[in-house]
């Protein structure tokens, strides 16, 4: 269940992003004192753990609403006060970074590409992805996505497996390029 289309789009972009290791939804509320010293709480839409280990608390909000609600200032207050206990009993910040994601951050190409990566990943075609990985080890640094089906003999299954590998960071789609058979992508297994 998503509270908004913006949140749905944002989570798809996060799922498709190779630098994201884990997405925590249903994040417990964080407590803080507002400017008047009143005890308050705030619920973030998600908290993300990146591959590097950093944790990012994200609020998905339409830009007009974020501005009207003073969300940037609120997040600064929360960042100074929100702590929790880690597995070892140490007091640690709730997050290393706090971000507001608005419709400005989620352009149509980025959203559509993320939806396609998630859709292709939902095939759970581990065999097809393994075949594509093997071929990419000897493939050029860049190639058209449509060539993967021919290179592997998998046809459209190979194309879908290659798109799914975007999430793993093996195939990289240039910014502002819509995923399609003619899209030139980067092979991150080149000379590996």
Protein backbone atom coordinates (compact mmCIF):
# COMPACT_ATOMS: atom_id res chain seq x y z
CA UNK A 1 0.00 0.00 0.00
CA UNK A 2 1.30 3.42 -0.96
CA UNK A 3 0.02 6.68 0.43
CA UNK A 4 0.60 8.39 -2.92
CA UNK A 5 1.65 7.85 -6.50
CA UNK A 6 4.78 9.83 -5.65
CA UNK A 7 5.73 7.33 -2.95
CA UNK A 8 5.11 4.41 -5.31
CA UNK A 9 7.33 5.97 -7.97
CA UNK A 10 10.02 6.82 -5.43
CA UNK A 11 10.16 3.31 -4.04
CA UNK A 12 10.44 1.85 -7.55
CA UNK A 13 13.38 4.18 -8.23
CA UNK A 14 15.02 3.05 -4.97
CA UNK A 15 14.45 -0.65 -5.73
CA UNK A 16 16.08 -0.21 -9.15
CA UNK A 17 19.09 1.74 -7.81
CA UNK A 18 22.29 -0.32 -7.56
CA UNK A 19 23.59 1.68 -4.57
CA UNK A 20 20.57 0.71 -2.42
CA UNK A 21 21.10 -2.39 -0.26
CA UNK A 22 17.88 -2.35 1.78
CA UNK A 23 14.62 -0.41 1.95
CA UNK A 24 12.84 -0.27 5.29
CA UNK A 25 9.16 0.58 5.04
CA UNK A 26 6.74 1.03 7.92
CA UNK A 27 9.50 2.88 9.78
CA UNK A 28 8.73 3.48 13.44
CA UNK A 29 8.01 7.14 14.32
CA UNK A 30 10.89 9.27 15.56
CA UNK A 31 10.39 11.54 18.56
CA UNK A 32 11.67 15.09 18.83
CA UNK A 33 10.96 18.38 20.56
CA UNK A 34 9.61 21.18 18.39
CA UNK A 35 10.66 24.86 18.75
CA UNK A 36 8.17 25.31 21.59
CA UNK A 37 9.60 22.31 23.44
CA UNK A 38 6.56 20.13 22.73
CA UNK A 39 7.19 16.40 22.31
CA UNK A 40 6.29 15.41 18.74
CA UNK A 41 6.74 12.46 16.42
CA UNK A 42 7.31 12.08 12.69
CA UNK A 43 6.98 9.04 10.43
CA UNK A 44 9.33 8.75 7.48
CA UNK A 45 8.07 6.97 4.38
CA UNK A 46 11.22 4.85 4.14
CA UNK A 47 14.68 4.46 5.56
CA UNK A 48 17.26 3.18 3.11
CA UNK A 49 20.57 1.47 3.79
CA UNK A 50 23.06 2.10 1.00
CA UNK A 51 25.74 -0.37 -0.10
CA UNK A 52 28.32 1.85 1.67
CA UNK A 53 26.40 1.40 4.95
CA UNK A 54 24.94 4.91 5.24
CA UNK A 55 21.28 5.12 6.27
CA UNK A 56 19.01 7.69 4.64
CA UNK A 57 15.57 8.66 5.98
CA UNK A 58 13.30 9.76 3.14
CA UNK A 59 10.08 11.75 3.12
CA UNK A 60 8.18 11.60 -0.18
CA UNK A 61 6.24 14.82 -0.48
CA UNK A 62 4.90 16.96 -3.29
CA UNK A 63 7.04 20.08 -3.50
CA UNK A 64 4.22 22.51 -2.75
CA UNK A 65 3.21 20.51 0.34
CA UNK A 66 6.81 20.19 1.56
CA UNK A 67 7.28 23.95 1.30
CA UNK A 68 3.93 24.74 2.95
CA UNK A 69 4.61 22.31 5.82
CA UNK A 70 8.16 23.55 6.44
CA UNK A 71 9.46 20.03 5.94
CA UNK A 72 13.10 21.04 5.36
CA UNK A 73 13.26 22.81 8.72
CA UNK A 74 11.46 19.92 10.41
CA UNK A 75 14.01 17.43 9.07
CA UNK A 76 16.87 19.61 10.37
CA UNK A 77 15.31 19.53 13.84
CA UNK A 78 14.78 15.77 13.66
CA UNK A 79 18.35 15.17 12.45
CA UNK A 80 19.70 16.88 15.59
CA UNK A 81 17.49 14.92 18.00
CA UNK A 82 16.55 11.52 16.55
CA UNK A 83 18.57 8.65 18.00
CA UNK A 84 17.97 4.96 18.51
CA UNK A 85 19.74 1.99 20.04
CA UNK A 86 21.71 -0.30 17.72
CA UNK A 87 22.10 -4.08 18.08
CA UNK A 88 25.00 -3.55 20.51
CA UNK A 89 23.05 -1.19 22.74
CA UNK A 90 24.85 1.92 21.50
CA UNK A 91 23.00 5.17 20.93
CA UNK A 92 23.23 6.03 17.22
CA UNK A 93 21.57 8.58 14.93
CA UNK A 94 18.28 7.43 13.42
CA UNK A 95 19.81 8.18 9.99
CA UNK A 96 23.01 9.57 8.52
CA UNK A 97 21.10 11.69 6.02
CA UNK A 98 17.58 13.07 5.74
CA UNK A 99 16.08 13.73 2.32
CA UNK A 100 12.89 15.09 0.84
CA UNK A 101 12.00 13.50 -2.49
CA UNK A 102 9.52 15.51 -4.54
CA UNK A 103 8.06 15.18 -8.02
CA UNK A 104 11.06 17.28 -9.24
CA UNK A 105 13.39 14.38 -8.39
CA UNK A 106 11.28 11.78 -10.19
CA UNK A 107 11.20 12.73 -13.86
CA UNK A 108 9.28 10.54 -16.31
CA UNK A 109 12.32 8.81 -17.79
CA UNK A 110 13.78 7.88 -14.40
CA UNK A 111 10.42 6.57 -13.18
CA UNK A 112 9.71 4.58 -16.36
CA UNK A 113 13.20 3.05 -16.34
CA UNK A 114 12.82 2.06 -12.69
CA UNK A 115 9.44 0.48 -13.39
CA UNK A 116 10.97 -1.51 -16.23
CA UNK A 117 13.92 -2.69 -14.09
CA UNK A 118 11.53 -3.78 -11.32
CA UNK A 119 9.23 -5.49 -13.84
CA UNK A 120 12.10 -7.40 -15.48
CA UNK A 121 13.57 -8.30 -12.09
CA UNK A 122 10.18 -9.73 -11.15
CA UNK A 123 10.75 -12.43 -13.78
CA UNK A 124 13.18 -14.01 -11.27
CA UNK A 125 15.08 -15.38 -14.27
CA UNK A 126 18.33 -16.18 -12.48
CA UNK A 127 19.37 -18.57 -15.25
CA UNK A 128 18.87 -15.91 -17.94
CA UNK A 129 20.74 -13.33 -15.87
CA UNK A 130 23.64 -15.75 -15.35
CA UNK A 131 23.87 -16.35 -19.10
CA UNK A 132 23.84 -12.59 -19.77
CA UNK A 133 26.53 -12.03 -17.11
CA UNK A 134 28.76 -14.66 -18.69
CA UNK A 135 28.42 -13.02 -22.12
CA UNK A 136 28.99 -9.52 -20.78
CA UNK A 137 32.39 -10.53 -19.37
CA UNK A 138 33.65 -10.72 -22.97
CA UNK A 139 31.39 -8.04 -24.47
CA UNK A 140 32.36 -4.47 -25.39
CA UNK A 141 32.32 -1.61 -22.87
CA UNK A 142 29.05 -0.32 -24.35
CA UNK A 143 26.37 -2.05 -26.36
CA UNK A 144 22.76 -1.65 -27.46
CA UNK A 145 20.39 -3.44 -25.10
CA UNK A 146 18.68 -5.07 -28.07
CA UNK A 147 21.91 -6.91 -28.96
CA UNK A 148 21.80 -8.99 -25.77
CA UNK A 149 19.14 -11.33 -27.13
CA UNK A 150 21.30 -12.09 -30.17
CA UNK A 151 24.56 -12.32 -28.18
CA UNK A 152 23.08 -14.84 -25.78
CA UNK A 153 20.61 -16.64 -28.05
CA UNK A 154 17.89 -15.80 -25.51
CA UNK A 155 15.96 -13.30 -27.63
CA UNK A 156 13.60 -11.08 -25.59
CA UNK A 157 14.40 -13.12 -22.48
CA UNK A 158 18.02 -11.93 -22.76
CA UNK A 159 16.89 -8.33 -23.12
CA UNK A 160 14.75 -8.63 -19.97
CA UNK A 161 17.59 -10.32 -18.06
CA UNK A 162 19.96 -7.49 -19.04
CA UNK A 163 17.44 -4.89 -17.88
CA UNK A 164 17.10 -6.73 -14.56
CA UNK A 165 20.90 -6.52 -14.17
CA UNK A 166 20.65 -2.72 -14.02
CA UNK A 167 19.67 -3.12 -10.35
CA UNK A 168 22.87 -5.07 -9.67
CA UNK A 169 24.97 -2.33 -11.30
CA UNK A 170 26.20 -4.69 -14.02
CA UNK A 171 24.39 -2.83 -16.79
CA UNK A 172 24.27 0.97 -16.54
CA UNK A 173 21.75 3.07 -18.42
CA UNK A 174 22.94 6.65 -19.10
CA UNK A 175 20.94 9.39 -17.38
CA UNK A 176 17.98 10.70 -19.34
CA UNK A 177 17.93 7.71 -21.72
CA UNK A 178 14.77 5.66 -21.82
CA UNK A 179 15.36 1.89 -21.71
CA UNK A 180 14.72 0.32 -25.09
CA UNK A 181 16.35 -2.04 -27.57
CA UNK A 182 18.36 0.77 -29.21
CA UNK A 183 19.58 2.23 -25.88
CA UNK A 184 23.36 2.18 -25.62
CA UNK A 185 24.32 1.03 -22.12
CA UNK A 186 27.57 0.57 -20.21
CA UNK A 187 28.87 -2.92 -19.46
CA UNK A 188 30.29 -2.85 -15.92
CA UNK A 189 31.80 -6.33 -16.41
CA UNK A 190 34.00 -5.07 -19.25
CA UNK A 191 37.62 -6.12 -18.55
CA UNK A 192 36.70 -7.42 -15.11
